[in-house]
mmCIF file of all heavy atoms, coordinates in Angstrom:
data_MODEL
# 
_entry.id   MODEL 
# 
loop_
_atom_site.group_PDB 
_atom_site.id 
_atom_site.type_symbol 
_atom_site.label_atom_id 
_atom_site.label_alt_id 
_atom_site.label_comp_id 
_atom_site.label_asym_id 
_atom_site.label_entity_id 
_atom_site.label_seq_id 
_atom_site.pdbx_PDB_ins_code 
_atom_site.Cartn_x 
_atom_site.Cartn_y 
_atom_site.Cartn_z 
_atom_site.occupancy 
_atom_site.B_iso_or_equiv 
_atom_site.pdbx_formal_charge 
_atom_site.auth_seq_id 
_atom_site.auth_comp_id 
_atom_site.auth_asym_id 
_atom_site.auth_atom_id 
_atom_site.pdbx_PDB_model_num 
ATOM 1   N N   . SER A 1 1  ? 0.831  -1.214 0.000  1.00 0.00 ? 1  SER A N   1 
ATOM 2   C CA  . SER A 1 1  ? 0.000  0.000  0.000  1.00 0.00 ? 1  SER A CA  1 
ATOM 3   C C   . SER A 1 1  ? 0.858  1.254  0.000  1.00 0.00 ? 1  SER A C   1 
ATOM 4   O O   . SER A 1 1  ? 0.641  2.190  0.778  1.00 0.00 ? 1  SER A O   1 
ATOM 5   C CB  . SER A 1 1  ? -0.927 0.005  1.234  1.00 0.00 ? 1  SER A CB  1 
ATOM 6   O OG  . SER A 1 1  ? -1.740 -1.150 1.250  1.00 0.00 ? 1  SER A OG  1 
ATOM 7   N N   . LEU A 1 2  ? 1.830  1.264  -0.888 1.00 0.00 ? 2  LEU A N   1 
ATOM 8   C CA  . LEU A 1 2  ? 2.776  2.368  -0.922 1.00 0.00 ? 2  LEU A CA  1 
ATOM 9   C C   . LEU A 1 2  ? 2.097  3.672  -1.316 1.00 0.00 ? 2  LEU A C   1 
ATOM 10  O O   . LEU A 1 2  ? 1.167  3.688  -2.128 1.00 0.00 ? 2  LEU A O   1 
ATOM 11  C CB  . LEU A 1 2  ? 3.915  2.044  -1.878 1.00 0.00 ? 2  LEU A CB  1 
ATOM 12  C CG  . LEU A 1 2  ? 4.954  1.065  -1.293 1.00 0.00 ? 2  LEU A CG  1 
ATOM 13  C CD1 . LEU A 1 2  ? 5.780  0.422  -2.386 1.00 0.00 ? 2  LEU A CD1 1 
ATOM 14  C CD2 . LEU A 1 2  ? 5.853  1.795  -0.305 1.00 0.00 ? 2  LEU A CD2 1 
ATOM 15  N N   . LYS A 1 3  ? 2.598  4.754  -0.723 1.00 0.00 ? 3  LYS A N   1 
ATOM 16  C CA  . LYS A 1 3  ? 2.071  6.091  -0.947 1.00 0.00 ? 3  LYS A CA  1 
ATOM 17  C C   . LYS A 1 3  ? 3.174  6.983  -1.522 1.00 0.00 ? 3  LYS A C   1 
ATOM 18  O O   . LYS A 1 3  ? 4.362  6.715  -1.288 1.00 0.00 ? 3  LYS A O   1 
ATOM 19  C CB  . LYS A 1 3  ? 1.591  6.697  0.371  1.00 0.00 ? 3  LYS A CB  1 
ATOM 20  C CG  . LYS A 1 3  ? 0.587  5.846  1.122  1.00 0.00 ? 3  LYS A CG  1 
ATOM 21  C CD  . LYS A 1 3  ? 0.278  6.467  2.481  1.00 0.00 ? 3  LYS A CD  1 
ATOM 22  C CE  . LYS A 1 3  ? -0.692 5.615  3.268  1.00 0.00 ? 3  LYS A CE  1 
ATOM 23  N NZ  . LYS A 1 3  ? -0.997 6.207  4.597  1.00 0.00 ? 3  LYS A NZ  1 
ATOM 24  N N   . PRO A 1 4  ? 2.813  8.048  -2.211 1.00 0.00 ? 4  PRO A N   1 
ATOM 25  C CA  . PRO A 1 4  ? 3.851  8.956  -2.727 1.00 0.00 ? 4  PRO A CA  1 
ATOM 26  C C   . PRO A 1 4  ? 4.784  9.460  -1.623 1.00 0.00 ? 4  PRO A C   1 
ATOM 27  O O   . PRO A 1 4  ? 5.987  9.654  -1.869 1.00 0.00 ? 4  PRO A O   1 
ATOM 28  C CB  . PRO A 1 4  ? 3.033  10.096 -3.333 1.00 0.00 ? 4  PRO A CB  1 
ATOM 29  C CG  . PRO A 1 4  ? 1.756  9.433  -3.765 1.00 0.00 ? 4  PRO A CG  1 
ATOM 30  C CD  . PRO A 1 4  ? 1.477  8.406  -2.693 1.00 0.00 ? 4  PRO A CD  1 
ATOM 31  N N   . GLU A 1 5  ? 4.266  9.620  -0.429 1.00 0.00 ? 5  GLU A N   1 
ATOM 32  C CA  . GLU A 1 5  ? 5.108  10.106 0.673  1.00 0.00 ? 5  GLU A CA  1 
ATOM 33  C C   . GLU A 1 5  ? 6.104  9.067  1.177  1.00 0.00 ? 5  GLU A C   1 
ATOM 34  O O   . GLU A 1 5  ? 6.944  9.371  2.022  1.00 0.00 ? 5  GLU A O   1 
ATOM 35  C CB  . GLU A 1 5  ? 4.258  10.615 1.843  1.00 0.00 ? 5  GLU A CB  1 
ATOM 36  C CG  . GLU A 1 5  ? 3.187  9.658  2.314  1.00 0.00 ? 5  GLU A CG  1 
ATOM 37  C CD  . GLU A 1 5  ? 1.829  9.970  1.706  1.00 0.00 ? 5  GLU A CD  1 
ATOM 38  O OE1 . GLU A 1 5  ? 1.757  10.246 0.477  1.00 0.00 ? 5  GLU A OE1 1 
ATOM 39  O OE2 . GLU A 1 5  ? 0.833  9.910  2.464  1.00 0.00 ? 5  GLU A OE2 1 
ATOM 40  N N   . ASP A 1 6  ? 6.015  7.854  0.664  1.00 0.00 ? 6  ASP A N   1 
ATOM 41  C CA  . ASP A 1 6  ? 7.025  6.828  0.989  1.00 0.00 ? 6  ASP A CA  1 
ATOM 42  C C   . ASP A 1 6  ? 8.255  6.965  0.090  1.00 0.00 ? 6  ASP A C   1 
ATOM 43  O O   . ASP A 1 6  ? 9.249  6.261  0.306  1.00 0.00 ? 6  ASP A O   1 
ATOM 44  C CB  . ASP A 1 6  ? 6.437  5.423  0.821  1.00 0.00 ? 6  ASP A CB  1 
ATOM 45  C CG  . ASP A 1 6  ? 5.338  5.129  1.833  1.00 0.00 ? 6  ASP A CG  1 
ATOM 46  O OD1 . ASP A 1 6  ? 5.508  5.484  3.011  1.00 0.00 ? 6  ASP A OD1 1 
ATOM 47  O OD2 . ASP A 1 6  ? 4.323  4.527  1.421  1.00 0.00 ? 6  ASP A OD2 1 
ATOM 48  N N   . THR A 1 7  ? 8.191  7.834  -0.882 1.00 0.00 ? 7  THR A N   1 
ATOM 49  C CA  . THR A 1 7  ? 9.335  8.053  -1.776 1.00 0.00 ? 7  THR A CA  1 
ATOM 50  C C   . THR A 1 7  ? 10.536 8.543  -0.974 1.00 0.00 ? 7  THR A C   1 
ATOM 51  O O   . THR A 1 7  ? 10.450 9.537  -0.254 1.00 0.00 ? 7  THR A O   1 
ATOM 52  C CB  . THR A 1 7  ? 8.978  9.087  -2.854 1.00 0.00 ? 7  THR A CB  1 
ATOM 53  O OG1 . THR A 1 7  ? 7.951  8.548  -3.695 1.00 0.00 ? 7  THR A OG1 1 
ATOM 54  C CG2 . THR A 1 7  ? 10.196 9.426  -3.703 1.00 0.00 ? 7  THR A CG2 1 
ATOM 55  N N   . ALA A 1 8  ? 11.645 7.824  -1.101 1.00 0.00 ? 8  ALA A N   1 
ATOM 56  C CA  . ALA A 1 8  ? 12.846 8.147  -0.337 1.00 0.00 ? 8  ALA A CA  1 
ATOM 57  C C   . ALA A 1 8  ? 13.967 7.199  -0.724 1.00 0.00 ? 8  ALA A C   1 
ATOM 58  O O   . ALA A 1 8  ? 13.738 6.201  -1.412 1.00 0.00 ? 8  ALA A O   1 
ATOM 59  C CB  . ALA A 1 8  ? 12.581 8.029  1.167  1.00 0.00 ? 8  ALA A CB  1 
ATOM 60  N N   . ILE A 1 9  ? 15.151 7.516  -0.255 1.00 0.00 ? 9  ILE A N   1 
ATOM 61  C CA  . ILE A 1 9  ? 16.247 6.545  -0.288 1.00 0.00 ? 9  ILE A CA  1 
ATOM 62  C C   . ILE A 1 9  ? 16.154 5.745  0.999  1.00 0.00 ? 9  ILE A C   1 
ATOM 63  O O   . ILE A 1 9  ? 16.097 6.335  2.090  1.00 0.00 ? 9  ILE A O   1 
ATOM 64  C CB  . ILE A 1 9  ? 17.612 7.230  -0.404 1.00 0.00 ? 9  ILE A CB  1 
ATOM 65  C CG1 . ILE A 1 9  ? 17.691 8.042  -1.704 1.00 0.00 ? 9  ILE A CG1 1 
ATOM 66  C CG2 . ILE A 1 9  ? 18.723 6.185  -0.370 1.00 0.00 ? 9  ILE A CG2 1 
ATOM 67  C CD1 . ILE A 1 9  ? 18.952 8.866  -1.841 1.00 0.00 ? 9  ILE A CD1 1 
ATOM 68  N N   . TYR A 1 10 ? 16.128 4.446  0.861  1.00 0.00 ? 10 TYR A N   1 
ATOM 69  C CA  . TYR A 1 10 ? 16.007 3.555  2.005  1.00 0.00 ? 10 TYR A CA  1 
ATOM 70  C C   . TYR A 1 10 ? 17.375 2.960  2.325  1.00 0.00 ? 10 TYR A C   1 
ATOM 71  O O   . TYR A 1 10 ? 18.046 2.403  1.447  1.00 0.00 ? 10 TYR A O   1 
ATOM 72  C CB  . TYR A 1 10 ? 14.994 2.447  1.725  1.00 0.00 ? 10 TYR A CB  1 
ATOM 73  C CG  . TYR A 1 10 ? 13.570 2.940  1.821  1.00 0.00 ? 10 TYR A CG  1 
ATOM 74  C CD1 . TYR A 1 10 ? 13.044 3.793  0.851  1.00 0.00 ? 10 TYR A CD1 1 
ATOM 75  C CD2 . TYR A 1 10 ? 12.750 2.586  2.887  1.00 0.00 ? 10 TYR A CD2 1 
ATOM 76  C CE1 . TYR A 1 10 ? 11.747 4.270  0.937  1.00 0.00 ? 10 TYR A CE1 1 
ATOM 77  C CE2 . TYR A 1 10 ? 11.446 3.051  2.985  1.00 0.00 ? 10 TYR A CE2 1 
ATOM 78  C CZ  . TYR A 1 10 ? 10.952 3.903  2.012  1.00 0.00 ? 10 TYR A CZ  1 
ATOM 79  O OH  . TYR A 1 10 ? 9.657  4.378  2.107  1.00 0.00 ? 10 TYR A OH  1 
ATOM 80  N N   . TYR A 1 11 ? 17.760 3.079  3.592  1.00 0.00 ? 11 TYR A N   1 
ATOM 81  C CA  . TYR A 1 11 ? 19.055 2.597  4.060  1.00 0.00 ? 11 TYR A CA  1 
ATOM 82  C C   . TYR A 1 11 ? 18.861 1.495  5.087  1.00 0.00 ? 11 TYR A C   1 
ATOM 83  O O   . TYR A 1 11 ? 18.014 1.608  5.976  1.00 0.00 ? 11 TYR A O   1 
ATOM 84  C CB  . TYR A 1 11 ? 19.837 3.722  4.736  1.00 0.00 ? 11 TYR A CB  1 
ATOM 85  C CG  . TYR A 1 11 ? 20.150 4.901  3.864  1.00 0.00 ? 11 TYR A CG  1 
ATOM 86  C CD1 . TYR A 1 11 ? 19.262 5.977  3.770  1.00 0.00 ? 11 TYR A CD1 1 
ATOM 87  C CD2 . TYR A 1 11 ? 21.344 4.972  3.142  1.00 0.00 ? 11 TYR A CD2 1 
ATOM 88  C CE1 . TYR A 1 11 ? 19.552 7.073  2.976  1.00 0.00 ? 11 TYR A CE1 1 
ATOM 89  C CE2 . TYR A 1 11 ? 21.634 6.066  2.344  1.00 0.00 ? 11 TYR A CE2 1 
ATOM 90  C CZ  . TYR A 1 11 ? 20.734 7.105  2.271  1.00 0.00 ? 11 TYR A CZ  1 
ATOM 91  O OH  . TYR A 1 11 ? 21.028 8.194  1.480  1.00 0.00 ? 11 TYR A OH  1 
ATOM 92  N N   . CYS A 1 12 ? 19.664 0.449  4.982  1.00 0.00 ? 12 CYS A N   1 
ATOM 93  C CA  . CYS A 1 12 ? 19.636 -0.544 6.047  1.00 0.00 ? 12 CYS A CA  1 
ATOM 94  C C   . CYS A 1 12 ? 20.749 -0.252 7.038  1.00 0.00 ? 12 CYS A C   1 
ATOM 95  O O   . CYS A 1 12 ? 21.737 0.400  6.712  1.00 0.00 ? 12 CYS A O   1 
ATOM 96  C CB  . CYS A 1 12 ? 19.708 -1.965 5.508  1.00 0.00 ? 12 CYS A CB  1 
ATOM 97  S SG  . CYS A 1 12 ? 21.308 -2.452 4.895  1.00 0.00 ? 12 CYS A SG  1 
ATOM 98  N N   . ASN A 1 13 ? 20.570 -0.769 8.225  1.00 0.00 ? 13 ASN A N   1 
ATOM 99  C CA  . ASN A 1 13 ? 21.425 -0.472 9.366  1.00 0.00 ? 13 ASN A CA  1 
ATOM 100 C C   . ASN A 1 13 ? 21.516 -1.732 10.209 1.00 0.00 ? 13 ASN A C   1 
ATOM 101 O O   . ASN A 1 13 ? 20.518 -2.405 10.420 1.00 0.00 ? 13 ASN A O   1 
ATOM 102 C CB  . ASN A 1 13 ? 20.770 0.683  10.141 1.00 0.00 ? 13 ASN A CB  1 
ATOM 103 C CG  . ASN A 1 13 ? 21.300 0.859  11.539 1.00 0.00 ? 13 ASN A CG  1 
ATOM 104 O OD1 . ASN A 1 13 ? 21.053 0.021  12.418 1.00 0.00 ? 13 ASN A OD1 1 
ATOM 105 N ND2 . ASN A 1 13 ? 21.982 1.945  11.775 1.00 0.00 ? 13 ASN A ND2 1 
ATOM 106 N N   . MET A 1 14 ? 22.727 -2.055 10.636 1.00 0.00 ? 14 MET A N   1 
ATOM 107 C CA  . MET A 1 14 ? 22.896 -3.214 11.517 1.00 0.00 ? 14 MET A CA  1 
ATOM 108 C C   . MET A 1 14 ? 23.824 -2.852 12.667 1.00 0.00 ? 14 MET A C   1 
ATOM 109 O O   . MET A 1 14 ? 24.871 -2.218 12.452 1.00 0.00 ? 14 MET A O   1 
ATOM 110 C CB  . MET A 1 14 ? 23.457 -4.409 10.753 1.00 0.00 ? 14 MET A CB  1 
ATOM 111 C CG  . MET A 1 14 ? 22.520 -4.938 9.683  1.00 0.00 ? 14 MET A CG  1 
ATOM 112 S SD  . MET A 1 14 ? 23.086 -6.511 9.014  1.00 0.00 ? 14 MET A SD  1 
ATOM 113 C CE  . MET A 1 14 ? 21.900 -6.760 7.675  1.00 0.00 ? 14 MET A CE  1 
ATOM 114 N N   . ASN A 1 15 ? 23.420 -3.259 13.852 1.00 0.00 ? 15 ASN A N   1 
ATOM 115 C CA  . ASN A 1 15 ? 24.215 -3.050 15.054 1.00 0.00 ? 15 ASN A CA  1 
ATOM 116 C C   . ASN A 1 15 ? 24.910 -4.366 15.404 1.00 0.00 ? 15 ASN A C   1 
ATOM 117 O O   . ASN A 1 15 ? 24.259 -5.337 15.781 1.00 0.00 ? 15 ASN A O   1 
ATOM 118 C CB  . ASN A 1 15 ? 23.320 -2.596 16.204 1.00 0.00 ? 15 ASN A CB  1 
ATOM 119 C CG  . ASN A 1 15 ? 24.107 -2.348 17.477 1.00 0.00 ? 15 ASN A CG  1 
ATOM 120 O OD1 . ASN A 1 15 ? 25.304 -2.592 17.552 1.00 0.00 ? 15 ASN A OD1 1 
ATOM 121 N ND2 . ASN A 1 15 ? 23.418 -1.853 18.485 1.00 0.00 ? 15 ASN A ND2 1 
ATOM 122 N N   . MET A 1 16 ? 26.241 -4.349 15.245 1.00 0.00 ? 16 MET A N   1 
ATOM 123 C CA  . MET A 1 16 ? 27.023 -5.545 15.549 1.00 0.00 ? 16 MET A CA  1 
ATOM 124 C C   . MET A 1 16 ? 28.017 -5.223 16.659 1.00 0.00 ? 16 MET A C   1 
ATOM 125 O O   . MET A 1 16 ? 29.113 -5.790 16.720 1.00 0.00 ? 16 MET A O   1 
ATOM 126 C CB  . MET A 1 16 ? 27.775 -6.013 14.298 1.00 0.00 ? 16 MET A CB  1 
ATOM 127 C CG  . MET A 1 16 ? 26.885 -6.254 13.106 1.00 0.00 ? 16 MET A CG  1 
ATOM 128 S SD  . MET A 1 16 ? 27.838 -6.765 11.655 1.00 0.00 ? 16 MET A SD  1 
ATOM 129 C CE  . MET A 1 16 ? 26.612 -6.600 10.359 1.00 0.00 ? 16 MET A CE  1 
ATOM 130 N N   . GLY A 1 17 ? 27.622 -4.256 17.510 1.00 0.00 ? 17 GLY A N   1 
ATOM 131 C CA  . GLY A 1 17 ? 28.558 -3.689 18.460 1.00 0.00 ? 17 GLY A CA  1 
ATOM 132 C C   . GLY A 1 17 ? 29.029 -2.361 17.876 1.00 0.00 ? 17 GLY A C   1 
ATOM 133 O O   . GLY A 1 17 ? 29.024 -1.335 18.548 1.00 0.00 ? 17 GLY A O   1 
ATOM 134 N N   . SER A 1 18 ? 29.398 -2.380 16.649 1.00 0.00 ? 18 SER A N   1 
ATOM 135 C CA  . SER A 1 18 ? 29.580 -1.179 15.831 1.00 0.00 ? 18 SER A CA  1 
ATOM 136 C C   . SER A 1 18 ? 28.372 -1.074 14.916 1.00 0.00 ? 18 SER A C   1 
ATOM 137 O O   . SER A 1 18 ? 27.724 -2.076 14.595 1.00 0.00 ? 18 SER A O   1 
ATOM 138 C CB  . SER A 1 18 ? 30.867 -1.295 15.007 1.00 0.00 ? 18 SER A CB  1 
ATOM 139 O OG  . SER A 1 18 ? 31.997 -1.342 15.853 1.00 0.00 ? 18 SER A OG  1 
ATOM 140 N N   . ILE A 1 19 ? 28.099 0.155  14.486 1.00 0.00 ? 19 ILE A N   1 
ATOM 141 C CA  . ILE A 1 19 ? 26.944 0.397  13.617 1.00 0.00 ? 19 ILE A CA  1 
ATOM 142 C C   . ILE A 1 19 ? 27.404 0.461  12.171 1.00 0.00 ? 19 ILE A C   1 
ATOM 143 O O   . ILE A 1 19 ? 28.367 1.167  11.852 1.00 0.00 ? 19 ILE A O   1 
ATOM 144 C CB  . ILE A 1 19 ? 26.246 1.719  13.981 1.00 0.00 ? 19 ILE A CB  1 
ATOM 145 C CG1 . ILE A 1 19 ? 25.840 1.731  15.456 1.00 0.00 ? 19 ILE A CG1 1 
ATOM 146 C CG2 . ILE A 1 19 ? 25.039 1.953  13.080 1.00 0.00 ? 19 ILE A CG2 1 
ATOM 147 C CD1 . ILE A 1 19 ? 24.822 0.680  15.805 1.00 0.00 ? 19 ILE A CD1 1 
ATOM 148 N N   . TYR A 1 20 ? 26.713 -0.261 11.319 1.00 0.00 ? 20 TYR A N   1 
ATOM 149 C CA  . TYR A 1 20 ? 27.037 -0.260 9.895  1.00 0.00 ? 20 TYR A CA  1 
ATOM 150 C C   . TYR A 1 20 ? 25.816 0.172  9.088  1.00 0.00 ? 20 TYR A C   1 
ATOM 151 O O   . TYR A 1 20 ? 24.673 -0.141 9.452  1.00 0.00 ? 20 TYR A O   1 
ATOM 152 C CB  . TYR A 1 20 ? 27.491 -1.649 9.446  1.00 0.00 ? 20 TYR A CB  1 
ATOM 153 C CG  . TYR A 1 20 ? 28.762 -2.090 10.117 1.00 0.00 ? 20 TYR A CG  1 
ATOM 154 C CD1 . TYR A 1 20 ? 28.726 -2.873 11.270 1.00 0.00 ? 20 TYR A CD1 1 
ATOM 155 C CD2 . TYR A 1 20 ? 30.010 -1.711 9.618  1.00 0.00 ? 20 TYR A CD2 1 
ATOM 156 C CE1 . TYR A 1 20 ? 29.886 -3.270 11.899 1.00 0.00 ? 20 TYR A CE1 1 
ATOM 157 C CE2 . TYR A 1 20 ? 31.183 -2.108 10.242 1.00 0.00 ? 20 TYR A CE2 1 
ATOM 158 C CZ  . TYR A 1 20 ? 31.111 -2.885 11.380 1.00 0.00 ? 20 TYR A CZ  1 
ATOM 159 O OH  . TYR A 1 20 ? 32.267 -3.264 12.006 1.00 0.00 ? 20 TYR A OH  1 
ATOM 160 N N   . TRP A 1 21 ? 26.090 0.864  7.988  1.00 0.00 ? 21 TRP A N   1 
ATOM 161 C CA  . TRP A 1 21 ? 25.046 1.364  7.097  1.00 0.00 ? 21 TRP A CA  1 
ATOM 162 C C   . TRP A 1 21 ? 25.300 0.894  5.669  1.00 0.00 ? 21 TRP A C   1 
ATOM 163 O O   . TRP A 1 21 ? 26.446 0.797  5.229  1.00 0.00 ? 21 TRP A O   1 
ATOM 164 C CB  . TRP A 1 21 ? 25.040 2.895  7.085  1.00 0.00 ? 21 TRP A CB  1 
ATOM 165 C CG  . TRP A 1 21 ? 24.585 3.533  8.349  1.00 0.00 ? 21 TRP A CG  1 
ATOM 166 C CD1 . TRP A 1 21 ? 25.361 3.899  9.406  1.00 0.00 ? 21 TRP A CD1 1 
ATOM 167 C CD2 . TRP A 1 21 ? 23.254 3.905  8.683  1.00 0.00 ? 21 TRP A CD2 1 
ATOM 168 N NE1 . TRP A 1 21 ? 24.587 4.477  10.379 1.00 0.00 ? 21 TRP A NE1 1 
ATOM 169 C CE2 . TRP A 1 21 ? 23.281 4.497  9.954  1.00 0.00 ? 21 TRP A CE2 1 
ATOM 170 C CE3 . TRP A 1 21 ? 22.019 3.811  8.019  1.00 0.00 ? 21 TRP A CE3 1 
ATOM 171 C CZ2 . TRP A 1 21 ? 22.134 4.980  10.598 1.00 0.00 ? 21 TRP A CZ2 1 
ATOM 172 C CZ3 . TRP A 1 21 ? 20.888 4.289  8.652  1.00 0.00 ? 21 TRP A CZ3 1 
ATOM 173 C CH2 . TRP A 1 21 ? 20.952 4.870  9.932  1.00 0.00 ? 21 TRP A CH2 1 
ATOM 174 N N   . GLY A 1 22 ? 24.215 0.656  4.957  1.00 0.00 ? 22 GLY A N   1 
ATOM 175 C CA  . GLY A 1 22 ? 24.322 0.452  3.530  1.00 0.00 ? 22 GLY A CA  1 
ATOM 176 C C   . GLY A 1 22 ? 24.341 1.790  2.815  1.00 0.00 ? 22 GLY A C   1 
ATOM 177 O O   . GLY A 1 22 ? 24.184 2.837  3.440  1.00 0.00 ? 22 GLY A O   1 
ATOM 178 N N   . LYS A 1 23 ? 24.505 1.739  1.501  1.00 0.00 ? 23 LYS A N   1 
ATOM 179 C CA  . LYS A 1 23 ? 24.575 2.976  0.720  1.00 0.00 ? 23 LYS A CA  1 
ATOM 180 C C   . LYS A 1 23 ? 23.214 3.456  0.257  1.00 0.00 ? 23 LYS A C   1 
ATOM 181 O O   . LYS A 1 23 ? 23.088 4.559  -0.267 1.00 0.00 ? 23 LYS A O   1 
ATOM 182 C CB  . LYS A 1 23 ? 25.510 2.768  -0.484 1.00 0.00 ? 23 LYS A CB  1 
ATOM 183 C CG  . LYS A 1 23 ? 26.962 2.560  -0.075 1.00 0.00 ? 23 LYS A CG  1 
ATOM 184 C CD  . LYS A 1 23 ? 27.869 2.439  -1.292 1.00 0.00 ? 23 LYS A CD  1 
ATOM 185 C CE  . LYS A 1 23 ? 29.320 2.290  -0.849 1.00 0.00 ? 23 LYS A CE  1 
ATOM 186 N NZ  . LYS A 1 23 ? 30.237 2.182  -2.005 1.00 0.00 ? 23 LYS A NZ  1 
ATOM 187 N N   . GLY A 1 24 ? 22.205 2.631  0.441  1.00 0.00 ? 24 GLY A N   1 
ATOM 188 C CA  . GLY A 1 24 ? 20.845 3.046  0.130  1.00 0.00 ? 24 GLY A CA  1 
ATOM 189 C C   . GLY A 1 24 ? 20.320 2.542  -1.194 1.00 0.00 ? 24 GLY A C   1 
ATOM 190 O O   . GLY A 1 24 ? 21.088 2.265  -2.119 1.00 0.00 ? 24 GLY A O   1 
ATOM 191 N N   . THR A 1 25 ? 18.994 2.442  -1.249 1.00 0.00 ? 25 THR A N   1 
ATOM 192 C CA  . THR A 1 25 ? 18.309 2.085  -2.487 1.00 0.00 ? 25 THR A CA  1 
ATOM 193 C C   . THR A 1 25 ? 17.096 3.002  -2.636 1.00 0.00 ? 25 THR A C   1 
ATOM 194 O O   . THR A 1 25 ? 16.379 3.251  -1.668 1.00 0.00 ? 25 THR A O   1 
ATOM 195 C CB  . THR A 1 25 ? 17.898 0.601  -2.491 1.00 0.00 ? 25 THR A CB  1 
ATOM 196 O OG1 . THR A 1 25 ? 17.330 0.259  -3.758 1.00 0.00 ? 25 THR A OG1 1 
ATOM 197 C CG2 . THR A 1 25 ? 16.900 0.273  -1.390 1.00 0.00 ? 25 THR A CG2 1 
ATOM 198 N N   . LEU A 1 26 ? 16.903 3.521  -3.836 1.00 0.00 ? 26 LEU A N   1 
ATOM 199 C CA  . LEU A 1 26 ? 15.857 4.512  -4.063 1.00 0.00 ? 26 LEU A CA  1 
ATOM 200 C C   . LEU A 1 26 ? 14.514 3.850  -4.315 1.00 0.00 ? 26 LEU A C   1 
ATOM 201 O O   . LEU A 1 26 ? 14.397 2.956  -5.163 1.00 0.00 ? 26 LEU A O   1 
ATOM 202 C CB  . LEU A 1 26 ? 16.236 5.401  -5.250 1.00 0.00 ? 26 LEU A CB  1 
ATOM 203 C CG  . LEU A 1 26 ? 15.210 6.459  -5.665 1.00 0.00 ? 26 LEU A CG  1 
ATOM 204 C CD1 . LEU A 1 26 ? 14.998 7.469  -4.543 1.00 0.00 ? 26 LEU A CD1 1 
ATOM 205 C CD2 . LEU A 1 26 ? 15.665 7.160  -6.946 1.00 0.00 ? 26 LEU A CD2 1 
ATOM 206 N N   . VAL A 1 27 ? 13.522 4.310  -3.584 1.00 0.00 ? 27 VAL A N   1 
ATOM 207 C CA  . VAL A 1 27 ? 12.133 3.895  -3.805 1.00 0.00 ? 27 VAL A CA  1 
ATOM 208 C C   . VAL A 1 27 ? 11.342 5.127  -4.244 1.00 0.00 ? 27 VAL A C   1 
ATOM 209 O O   . VAL A 1 27 ? 11.333 6.138  -3.538 1.00 0.00 ? 27 VAL A O   1 
ATOM 210 C CB  . VAL A 1 27 ? 11.518 3.308  -2.518 1.00 0.00 ? 27 VAL A CB  1 
ATOM 211 C CG1 . VAL A 1 27 ? 10.021 3.057  -2.701 1.00 0.00 ? 27 VAL A CG1 1 
ATOM 212 C CG2 . VAL A 1 27 ? 12.224 2.021  -2.137 1.00 0.00 ? 27 VAL A CG2 1 
ATOM 213 N N   . THR A 1 28 ? 10.720 5.020  -5.391 1.00 0.00 ? 28 THR A N   1 
ATOM 214 C CA  . THR A 1 28 ? 9.913  6.119  -5.912 1.00 0.00 ? 28 THR A CA  1 
ATOM 215 C C   . THR A 1 28 ? 8.487  5.628  -6.100 1.00 0.00 ? 28 THR A C   1 
ATOM 216 O O   . THR A 1 28 ? 8.254  4.641  -6.816 1.00 0.00 ? 28 THR A O   1 
ATOM 217 C CB  . THR A 1 28 ? 10.459 6.629  -7.248 1.00 0.00 ? 28 THR A CB  1 
ATOM 218 O OG1 . THR A 1 28 ? 11.816 7.029  -7.095 1.00 0.00 ? 28 THR A OG1 1 
ATOM 219 C CG2 . THR A 1 28 ? 9.642  7.814  -7.750 1.00 0.00 ? 28 THR A CG2 1 
# 
């Protein structure tokens, strides 16, 4: 049920003691 306001770059994040981020994927 995606909405136009969901448009964004989506980043994943994992806490393994240190925090890691992905580079993102665009959802339009």
